[in-house]
Amino acid sequence: MKPIILRSLIAVLALLFVPGAFAAEYGTPEEAKTMLDRVVAAVKADPAAALAKFNAGEDGFKDRDLYPFCVGSDGIMTAHPTLLGKPASEIKECGRQNGR
C-alpha cells in the first residue's frame, strides 16, 4: 500500500474516534467510513488531483468536522484545510479544537 494511501486511511479512521462525533454538527462514524472509501478511490485514481481536492474541500472532502489530511514521507502536511506545508511533528493538540 502506498504511504499516501496509508496516511489517508489513518487520518480518516482517526476521525471515527473523535469525542462528540455523534452530534448533528459532527460527522458520524458511518460518514467518516464513507469518506475514507472515497479518499482511497481518489488517491488510487490520481494522487495529485486527490490532494488538490482534499486541500480545497472539493467534491465532498470537507463535511463539518470530517476531512482527510495527509503527511508526506518527509513529515510535511500535504493535505489539510489549515496546516498545509507544516511539519506534522509541530502539530499539537490535534483534534482538540472547540473544547473537544
N, C-alpha and C. Protein backbone atom coordinates (compact mmCIF):
# COMPACT_ATOMS: atom_id res chain seq x y z
N MET A 1 0.86 -1.18 0.00
CA MET A 1 0.00 0.00 0.00
C MET A 1 0.90 1.23 0.00
N LYS A 2 0.58 2.20 -0.83
CA LYS A 2 1.38 3.42 -0.92
C LYS A 2 1.28 4.21 0.37
N PRO A 3 2.40 4.87 0.77
CA PRO A 3 2.38 5.64 2.02
C PRO A 3 1.28 6.69 2.08
N ILE A 4 0.99 7.37 0.97
CA ILE A 4 -0.04 8.42 1.00
C ILE A 4 -1.41 7.82 1.27
N ILE A 5 -1.67 6.63 0.73
CA ILE A 5 -2.96 5.97 0.98
C ILE A 5 -3.05 5.56 2.43
N LEU A 6 -1.97 4.98 2.94
CA LEU A 6 -1.95 4.55 4.33
C LEU A 6 -2.17 5.74 5.27
N ARG A 7 -1.51 6.85 5.01
CA ARG A 7 -1.67 8.02 5.86
C ARG A 7 -3.09 8.57 5.77
N SER A 8 -3.67 8.54 4.59
CA SER A 8 -5.05 9.00 4.43
C SER A 8 -6.00 8.09 5.20
N LEU A 9 -5.76 6.79 5.13
CA LEU A 9 -6.60 5.85 5.86
C LEU A 9 -6.53 6.11 7.36
N ILE A 10 -5.33 6.29 7.85
CA ILE A 10 -5.15 6.54 9.28
C ILE A 10 -5.83 7.84 9.67
N ALA A 11 -5.68 8.87 8.85
CA ALA A 11 -6.27 10.17 9.16
C ALA A 11 -7.79 10.10 9.25
N VAL A 12 -8.41 9.46 8.28
CA VAL A 12 -9.87 9.39 8.29
C VAL A 12 -10.36 8.44 9.36
N LEU A 13 -9.64 7.35 9.59
CA LEU A 13 -10.05 6.43 10.66
C LEU A 13 -9.95 7.11 12.02
N ALA A 14 -8.97 7.98 12.20
CA ALA A 14 -8.85 8.70 13.47
C ALA A 14 -10.09 9.53 13.74
N LEU A 15 -10.72 10.01 12.69
CA LEU A 15 -11.93 10.81 12.86
C LEU A 15 -13.09 9.99 13.42
N LEU A 16 -13.02 8.69 13.27
CA LEU A 16 -14.08 7.83 13.80
C LEU A 16 -14.14 7.89 15.34
N PHE A 17 -13.03 8.27 15.94
CA PHE A 17 -12.94 8.21 17.40
C PHE A 17 -12.90 9.59 18.05
N VAL A 18 -13.24 10.63 17.31
CA VAL A 18 -13.28 11.98 17.88
C VAL A 18 -14.47 12.07 18.83
N PRO A 19 -14.24 12.46 20.09
CA PRO A 19 -15.37 12.60 21.02
C PRO A 19 -16.42 13.56 20.48
N GLY A 20 -17.66 13.25 20.68
CA GLY A 20 -18.75 14.12 20.24
C GLY A 20 -19.10 13.96 18.77
N ALA A 21 -18.52 12.96 18.11
CA ALA A 21 -18.75 12.81 16.68
C ALA A 21 -20.18 12.39 16.35
N PHE A 22 -20.97 12.08 17.38
CA PHE A 22 -22.32 11.63 17.13
C PHE A 22 -23.33 12.77 17.11
N ALA A 23 -22.91 13.96 17.51
CA ALA A 23 -23.82 15.11 17.49
C ALA A 23 -24.04 15.54 16.05
N ALA A 24 -25.16 16.21 15.82
CA ALA A 24 -25.55 16.59 14.45
C ALA A 24 -24.52 17.49 13.77
N GLU A 25 -23.80 18.31 14.53
CA GLU A 25 -22.83 19.20 13.89
C GLU A 25 -21.53 18.49 13.53
N TYR A 26 -21.43 17.23 13.91
CA TYR A 26 -20.23 16.45 13.61
C TYR A 26 -20.61 15.28 12.71
N GLY A 27 -19.62 14.81 11.94
CA GLY A 27 -19.85 13.65 11.11
C GLY A 27 -19.97 12.40 11.96
N THR A 28 -20.68 11.43 11.46
CA THR A 28 -20.85 10.16 12.17
C THR A 28 -19.74 9.18 11.76
N PRO A 29 -19.55 8.12 12.51
CA PRO A 29 -18.58 7.11 12.10
C PRO A 29 -18.88 6.53 10.71
N GLU A 30 -20.15 6.37 10.40
CA GLU A 30 -20.52 5.85 9.07
C GLU A 30 -20.13 6.84 7.97
N GLU A 31 -20.33 8.13 8.23
CA GLU A 31 -19.96 9.15 7.25
C GLU A 31 -18.44 9.21 7.09
N ALA A 32 -17.72 9.03 8.18
CA ALA A 32 -16.26 9.01 8.10
C ALA A 32 -15.79 7.81 7.28
N LYS A 33 -16.41 6.68 7.48
CA LYS A 33 -16.05 5.48 6.71
C LYS A 33 -16.34 5.68 5.23
N THR A 34 -17.47 6.29 4.92
CA THR A 34 -17.81 6.58 3.53
C THR A 34 -16.76 7.50 2.91
N MET A 35 -16.37 8.54 3.67
CA MET A 35 -15.35 9.45 3.15
C MET A 35 -14.02 8.71 2.97
N LEU A 36 -13.68 7.85 3.90
CA LEU A 36 -12.46 7.07 3.79
C LEU A 36 -12.44 6.27 2.49
N ASP A 37 -13.54 5.63 2.17
CA ASP A 37 -13.63 4.87 0.92
C ASP A 37 -13.43 5.78 -0.28
N ARG A 38 -13.99 6.98 -0.23
CA ARG A 38 -13.84 7.95 -1.32
C ARG A 38 -12.40 8.46 -1.41
N VAL A 39 -11.76 8.65 -0.26
CA VAL A 39 -10.36 9.10 -0.23
C VAL A 39 -9.47 8.07 -0.90
N VAL A 40 -9.65 6.81 -0.54
CA VAL A 40 -8.84 5.74 -1.12
C VAL A 40 -9.03 5.70 -2.64
N ALA A 41 -10.27 5.77 -3.09
CA ALA A 41 -10.55 5.72 -4.53
C ALA A 41 -9.92 6.92 -5.24
N ALA A 42 -10.02 8.10 -4.65
CA ALA A 42 -9.47 9.31 -5.28
C ALA A 42 -7.95 9.22 -5.38
N VAL A 43 -7.30 8.75 -4.33
CA VAL A 43 -5.83 8.64 -4.35
C VAL A 43 -5.38 7.59 -5.35
N LYS A 44 -6.10 6.49 -5.42
CA LYS A 44 -5.74 5.45 -6.40
C LYS A 44 -5.90 5.96 -7.82
N ALA A 45 -6.93 6.76 -8.07
CA ALA A 45 -7.20 7.25 -9.42
C ALA A 45 -6.18 8.30 -9.86
N ASP A 46 -5.84 9.24 -8.99
CA ASP A 46 -4.92 10.33 -9.34
C ASP A 46 -4.47 11.02 -8.06
N PRO A 47 -3.31 10.62 -7.52
CA PRO A 47 -2.86 11.17 -6.24
C PRO A 47 -2.76 12.70 -6.21
N ALA A 48 -2.21 13.31 -7.26
CA ALA A 48 -2.05 14.77 -7.28
C ALA A 48 -3.41 15.47 -7.28
N ALA A 49 -4.33 14.99 -8.10
CA ALA A 49 -5.67 15.58 -8.14
C ALA A 49 -6.40 15.37 -6.81
N ALA A 50 -6.18 14.21 -6.19
CA ALA A 50 -6.82 13.94 -4.90
C ALA A 50 -6.35 14.93 -3.85
N LEU A 51 -5.03 15.15 -3.77
CA LEU A 51 -4.51 16.11 -2.80
C LEU A 51 -5.09 17.50 -3.03
N ALA A 52 -5.21 17.90 -4.29
CA ALA A 52 -5.77 19.21 -4.60
C ALA A 52 -7.23 19.30 -4.13
N LYS A 53 -7.99 18.25 -4.35
CA LYS A 53 -9.40 18.22 -3.91
C LYS A 53 -9.49 18.23 -2.38
N PHE A 54 -8.62 17.48 -1.72
CA PHE A 54 -8.64 17.44 -0.26
C PHE A 54 -8.36 18.84 0.31
N ASN A 55 -7.35 19.51 -0.25
CA ASN A 55 -6.97 20.83 0.25
C ASN A 55 -8.04 21.87 -0.02
N ALA A 56 -8.74 21.74 -1.12
CA ALA A 56 -9.80 22.70 -1.47
C ALA A 56 -11.14 22.34 -0.82
N GLY A 57 -11.23 21.15 -0.28
CA GLY A 57 -12.50 20.69 0.29
C GLY A 57 -13.54 20.45 -0.77
N GLU A 58 -13.09 20.16 -1.98
CA GLU A 58 -13.99 19.94 -3.11
C GLU A 58 -14.52 18.51 -3.14
N ASP A 59 -15.60 18.33 -3.87
CA ASP A 59 -16.19 17.00 -4.10
C ASP A 59 -16.54 16.28 -2.80
N GLY A 60 -16.95 17.03 -1.79
CA GLY A 60 -17.38 16.43 -0.54
C GLY A 60 -16.26 16.00 0.38
N PHE A 61 -15.04 16.48 0.14
CA PHE A 61 -13.92 16.10 1.00
C PHE A 61 -13.76 17.04 2.20
N LYS A 62 -14.76 17.85 2.46
CA LYS A 62 -14.85 18.64 3.70
C LYS A 62 -16.32 18.64 4.08
N ASP A 63 -16.63 17.98 5.19
CA ASP A 63 -18.01 17.87 5.64
C ASP A 63 -18.01 18.02 7.16
N ARG A 64 -18.43 19.18 7.62
CA ARG A 64 -18.42 19.50 9.05
C ARG A 64 -17.02 19.30 9.62
N ASP A 65 -16.84 18.35 10.52
CA ASP A 65 -15.53 18.10 11.09
C ASP A 65 -14.79 16.95 10.40
N LEU A 66 -15.32 16.47 9.30
CA LEU A 66 -14.69 15.38 8.57
C LEU A 66 -13.92 15.92 7.38
N TYR A 67 -12.66 15.56 7.31
CA TYR A 67 -11.84 15.90 6.16
C TYR A 67 -10.60 15.01 6.19
N PRO A 68 -10.09 14.65 5.02
CA PRO A 68 -8.85 13.88 5.00
C PRO A 68 -7.66 14.81 5.18
N PHE A 69 -6.62 14.32 5.81
CA PHE A 69 -5.36 15.03 5.80
C PHE A 69 -4.26 14.02 5.53
N CYS A 70 -3.19 14.49 4.92
CA CYS A 70 -2.11 13.60 4.52
C CYS A 70 -0.78 14.20 4.96
N VAL A 71 0.15 13.31 5.28
CA VAL A 71 1.50 13.70 5.65
C VAL A 71 2.45 12.97 4.70
N GLY A 72 3.33 13.73 4.06
CA GLY A 72 4.30 13.13 3.15
C GLY A 72 5.37 12.36 3.89
N SER A 73 6.16 11.60 3.17
CA SER A 73 7.23 10.81 3.79
C SER A 73 8.27 11.68 4.47
N ASP A 74 8.30 12.98 4.12
CA ASP A 74 9.21 13.93 4.76
C ASP A 74 8.62 14.53 6.03
N GLY A 75 7.41 14.13 6.39
CA GLY A 75 6.77 14.64 7.61
C GLY A 75 6.03 15.95 7.43
N ILE A 76 5.88 16.42 6.20
CA ILE A 76 5.20 17.68 5.92
C ILE A 76 3.75 17.40 5.53
N MET A 77 2.83 18.21 6.06
CA MET A 77 1.42 18.06 5.72
C MET A 77 1.22 18.38 4.24
N THR A 78 0.73 17.41 3.48
CA THR A 78 0.50 17.62 2.05
C THR A 78 -0.98 17.86 1.75
N ALA A 79 -1.82 17.60 2.73
CA ALA A 79 -3.25 17.89 2.59
C ALA A 79 -3.81 18.18 3.98
N HIS A 80 -4.38 19.37 4.14
CA HIS A 80 -5.02 19.78 5.39
C HIS A 80 -5.66 21.13 5.15
N PRO A 81 -6.84 21.38 5.72
CA PRO A 81 -7.51 22.65 5.49
C PRO A 81 -6.75 23.88 5.98
N THR A 82 -5.97 23.74 7.05
CA THR A 82 -5.28 24.92 7.59
C THR A 82 -3.80 24.72 7.85
N LEU A 83 -3.32 23.49 7.83
CA LEU A 83 -1.93 23.22 8.19
C LEU A 83 -1.07 22.75 7.02
N LEU A 84 -1.51 23.01 5.82
CA LEU A 84 -0.77 22.60 4.63
C LEU A 84 0.65 23.16 4.66
N GLY A 85 1.62 22.29 4.42
CA GLY A 85 3.02 22.70 4.38
C GLY A 85 3.72 22.72 5.71
N LYS A 86 3.00 22.48 6.79
CA LYS A 86 3.60 22.49 8.13
C LYS A 86 4.14 21.10 8.46
N PRO A 87 5.22 21.06 9.24
CA PRO A 87 5.71 19.75 9.69
C PRO A 87 4.72 19.12 10.67
N ALA A 88 4.39 17.89 10.45
CA ALA A 88 3.44 17.20 11.33
C ALA A 88 3.98 17.11 12.75
N SER A 89 5.28 17.08 12.89
CA SER A 89 5.90 16.97 14.22
C SER A 89 5.62 18.20 15.09
N GLU A 90 5.24 19.32 14.46
CA GLU A 90 4.97 20.54 15.21
C GLU A 90 3.50 20.70 15.59
N ILE A 91 2.66 19.77 15.16
CA ILE A 91 1.23 19.88 15.43
C ILE A 91 0.95 19.32 16.82
N LYS A 92 0.33 20.13 17.65
CA LYS A 92 0.00 19.72 19.00
C LYS A 92 -1.51 19.77 19.17
N GLU A 93 -2.02 18.98 20.08
CA GLU A 93 -3.45 19.01 20.42
C GLU A 93 -4.33 18.73 19.21
N CYS A 94 -3.92 17.86 18.33
CA CYS A 94 -4.73 17.51 17.16
C CYS A 94 -6.07 16.98 17.62
N GLY A 95 -7.15 17.51 17.07
CA GLY A 95 -8.48 17.07 17.42
C GLY A 95 -9.02 17.69 18.70
N ARG A 96 -8.31 18.68 19.24
CA ARG A 96 -8.72 19.30 20.50
C ARG A 96 -9.26 20.71 20.26
N GLN A 97 -9.92 20.91 19.15
CA GLN A 97 -10.49 22.21 18.84
C GLN A 97 -11.90 22.29 19.38
N ASN A 98 -12.37 23.49 19.61
CA ASN A 98 -13.73 23.73 20.04
C ASN A 98 -14.08 23.00 21.33
N GLY A 99 -13.11 22.89 22.24
CA GLY A 99 -13.39 22.31 23.53
C GLY A 99 -13.56 20.80 23.55
N ARG A 100 -13.26 20.13 22.45
CA ARG A 100 -13.42 18.68 22.42
C ARG A 100 -12.15 18.00 22.87
